[in-house]
Amino acid sequence: MGVAVAAVVDAAEVAEVKMKVKKTYFWGVLVLIVLGFFIFGRGAITGNVVGTASANELSIPLSEISAEAKWYESDIEGTRVRYFVVKSSDGTIKTAFDACDVCYGSRKGYRQEGNMMICNNCGNKYPITGLGTENKAGGGCWPGYLPSKIVGDNLVIKSSDIAKGKYRFE
């Protein structure tokens, strides 16, 4: 009789352990989902922010610009406006907002894969050589146009031009 009771107790203990494992698994998955939302779903910066703009302009030494995109941000009236700078394979320097003309509401920005910039929301791919132009046709996903110019040994972006893209990040 003692052996039969021991078997029942062991089965009850096993059931209790299984229930604890299920609860732990549930909470672990829930935490991962919530973290994923905050990291990927709410506009986490997609690259390293390596500088901020001064009151009138952002000046970046040309020697710091490479084929690997670098992300920057400016605080425009309390809104963090993000943009990136990258040297294309033809040697020209490209600047664009880290938000597209259509998908900006998702606040997911872009990532670089080789010679392409990819929208983190819709997955559209853009050759870096084609960036730096206005989307004059309107509509369609396209990296937001951000004008810049080379002055001496620096790339200069006006703060007023950065401010024009603020609506993409509000």
Protein backbone atom coordinates (compact mmCIF):
# COMPACT_ATOMS: atom_id res chain seq x y z
CA MET A 1 0.00 0.00 0.00
CA GLY A 2 2.85 2.39 0.73
CA VAL A 3 4.24 1.95 -2.78
CA ALA A 4 0.95 2.88 -4.47
CA VAL A 5 0.71 6.10 -2.42
CA ALA A 6 4.26 7.05 -3.38
CA ALA A 7 3.38 6.67 -7.08
CA VAL A 8 0.37 8.98 -6.71
CA VAL A 9 2.48 11.60 -4.91
CA ASP A 10 5.13 11.41 -7.62
CA ALA A 11 2.50 11.89 -10.35
CA ALA A 12 1.12 14.93 -8.49
CA GLU A 13 4.61 16.38 -8.14
CA VAL A 14 5.29 15.81 -11.83
CA ALA A 15 2.02 17.56 -12.75
CA GLU A 16 2.94 20.50 -10.51
CA VAL A 17 6.39 20.81 -12.07
CA LYS A 18 4.87 20.68 -15.57
CA MET A 19 2.48 23.48 -14.65
CA LYS A 20 5.34 25.63 -13.32
CA VAL A 21 7.31 25.05 -16.55
CA LYS A 22 4.28 26.08 -18.64
CA LYS A 23 3.82 29.26 -16.59
CA THR A 24 7.52 30.11 -16.85
CA TYR A 25 7.46 29.50 -20.60
CA PHE A 26 4.35 31.69 -20.98
CA TRP A 27 5.91 34.60 -19.09
CA GLY A 28 9.20 34.23 -20.97
CA VAL A 29 7.44 34.42 -24.33
CA LEU A 30 5.37 37.39 -23.17
CA VAL A 31 8.49 39.28 -22.06
CA LEU A 32 10.15 38.61 -25.44
CA ILE A 33 7.11 39.89 -27.31
CA VAL A 34 6.99 43.08 -25.25
CA LEU A 35 10.72 43.65 -25.67
CA GLY A 36 10.42 43.05 -29.41
CA PHE A 37 7.67 45.65 -29.62
CA PHE A 38 9.76 48.28 -27.86
CA ILE A 39 12.94 47.50 -29.76
CA PHE A 40 11.58 46.97 -33.28
CA GLY A 41 8.05 48.26 -33.37
CA ARG A 42 8.39 51.73 -31.96
CA GLY A 43 11.17 53.20 -34.06
CA ALA A 44 14.39 52.13 -32.42
CA ILE A 45 17.39 53.77 -34.04
CA THR A 46 18.55 51.44 -36.76
CA GLY A 47 22.21 52.39 -36.68
CA ASN A 48 24.75 54.04 -34.45
CA VAL A 49 23.98 57.68 -33.76
CA VAL A 50 27.37 59.29 -34.07
CA GLY A 51 26.62 62.99 -33.91
CA THR A 52 24.08 65.71 -33.35
CA ALA A 53 23.48 68.99 -35.15
CA SER A 54 24.46 72.40 -33.84
CA ALA A 55 22.06 75.33 -33.83
CA ASN A 56 22.50 76.13 -37.55
CA GLU A 57 24.06 73.14 -39.23
CA LEU A 58 25.64 69.73 -38.95
CA SER A 59 29.17 69.57 -40.28
CA ILE A 60 30.73 66.15 -40.85
CA PRO A 61 34.37 65.75 -41.92
CA LEU A 62 34.47 63.96 -45.29
CA SER A 63 37.16 61.67 -43.87
CA GLU A 64 34.53 60.21 -41.48
CA ILE A 65 32.09 59.28 -44.26
CA SER A 66 32.38 55.80 -45.69
CA ALA A 67 30.44 53.10 -47.51
CA GLU A 68 29.02 52.11 -44.13
CA ALA A 69 26.01 54.29 -43.30
CA LYS A 70 26.19 56.36 -40.13
CA TRP A 71 23.08 57.61 -38.39
CA TYR A 72 22.73 61.04 -36.82
CA GLU A 73 19.95 62.77 -34.93
CA SER A 74 18.86 66.29 -34.13
CA ASP A 75 16.45 67.51 -31.51
CA ILE A 76 13.93 69.73 -33.27
CA GLU A 77 11.57 71.27 -30.73
CA GLY A 78 11.59 68.12 -28.61
CA THR A 79 11.35 65.68 -31.54
CA ARG A 80 14.32 63.43 -32.36
CA VAL A 81 14.81 63.66 -36.12
CA ARG A 82 17.03 60.87 -37.50
CA TYR A 83 18.97 60.76 -40.76
CA PHE A 84 21.89 58.90 -42.26
CA VAL A 85 24.96 59.65 -44.36
CA VAL A 86 26.72 57.14 -46.61
CA LYS A 87 29.23 57.17 -49.46
CA SER A 88 27.95 55.35 -52.52
CA SER A 89 30.03 53.07 -54.73
CA ASP A 90 30.39 55.90 -57.29
CA GLY A 91 32.04 58.07 -54.60
CA THR A 92 29.17 60.50 -54.10
CA ILE A 93 27.85 61.20 -50.62
CA LYS A 94 24.19 60.50 -49.95
CA THR A 95 22.02 61.86 -47.16
CA ALA A 96 18.45 60.90 -46.33
CA PHE A 97 16.01 60.91 -43.44
CA ASP A 98 15.81 57.62 -41.56
CA ALA A 99 12.16 57.47 -42.59
CA CYS A 100 10.50 57.09 -45.93
CA ASP A 101 7.92 59.22 -47.69
CA VAL A 102 5.13 56.70 -47.06
CA CYS A 103 6.12 54.38 -44.18
CA TYR A 104 7.36 57.11 -41.82
CA GLY A 105 4.44 56.53 -39.45
CA SER A 106 5.88 53.14 -38.54
CA ARG A 107 9.04 54.86 -37.23
CA LYS A 108 11.17 51.86 -38.21
CA GLY A 109 13.68 53.58 -40.49
CA TYR A 110 16.27 51.87 -42.66
CA ARG A 111 19.09 49.38 -42.38
CA GLN A 112 22.01 48.84 -44.70
CA GLU A 113 22.79 45.57 -46.43
CA GLY A 114 25.78 45.95 -48.73
CA ASN A 115 25.05 48.60 -51.35
CA MET A 116 21.35 48.76 -50.47
CA MET A 117 19.28 50.62 -47.91
CA ILE A 118 16.23 48.61 -46.85
CA CYS A 119 13.02 49.96 -45.34
CA ASN A 120 12.50 48.17 -42.02
CA ASN A 121 8.73 48.49 -42.43
CA CYS A 122 7.89 47.36 -45.97
CA GLY A 123 11.18 45.70 -46.98
CA ASN A 124 11.69 47.75 -50.16
CA LYS A 125 15.33 47.96 -51.20
CA TYR A 126 17.05 51.03 -52.58
CA PRO A 127 20.49 51.17 -54.20
CA ILE A 128 22.61 53.68 -52.32
CA THR A 129 23.71 55.20 -55.64
CA GLY A 130 20.10 56.31 -56.25
CA LEU A 131 19.57 58.08 -52.93
CA GLY A 132 19.70 61.81 -52.37
CA THR A 133 16.94 62.85 -54.76
CA GLU A 134 13.45 64.09 -54.15
CA ASN A 135 10.53 61.76 -54.76
CA LYS A 136 8.96 64.11 -57.31
CA ALA A 137 6.41 61.57 -58.50
CA GLY A 138 4.96 61.39 -54.98
CA GLY A 139 3.70 58.27 -53.27
CA GLY A 140 5.62 55.06 -52.87
CA CYS A 141 8.21 54.18 -50.31
CA TRP A 142 11.37 56.27 -50.77
CA PRO A 143 14.05 57.47 -48.32
CA GLY A 144 13.07 61.01 -47.31
CA TYR A 145 15.07 63.62 -49.17
CA LEU A 146 17.59 65.57 -47.08
CA PRO A 147 19.70 68.11 -48.99
CA SER A 148 23.38 68.52 -48.16
CA LYS A 149 26.45 70.10 -49.70
CA ILE A 150 30.21 69.77 -49.53
CA VAL A 151 32.00 72.82 -48.15
CA GLY A 152 35.77 72.41 -48.07
CA ASP A 153 36.56 69.12 -46.32
CA ASN A 154 33.11 68.80 -44.71
CA LEU A 155 29.63 67.69 -45.57
CA VAL A 156 27.18 70.33 -44.35
CA ILE A 157 23.49 69.81 -43.62
CA LYS A 158 21.44 72.85 -42.64
CA SER A 159 19.40 72.56 -39.46
CA SER A 160 16.50 74.20 -41.32
CA ASP A 161 16.54 71.31 -43.82
CA ILE A 162 16.59 68.80 -40.97
CA ALA A 163 13.62 70.59 -39.41
CA LYS A 164 11.61 70.16 -42.65
CA GLY A 165 11.60 66.40 -42.00
CA LYS A 166 10.38 66.67 -38.41
CA TYR A 167 6.84 65.52 -39.29
CA ARG A 168 8.25 62.08 -40.13
CA PHE A 169 9.21 61.51 -36.47
CA GLU A 170 6.32 63.05 -34.52
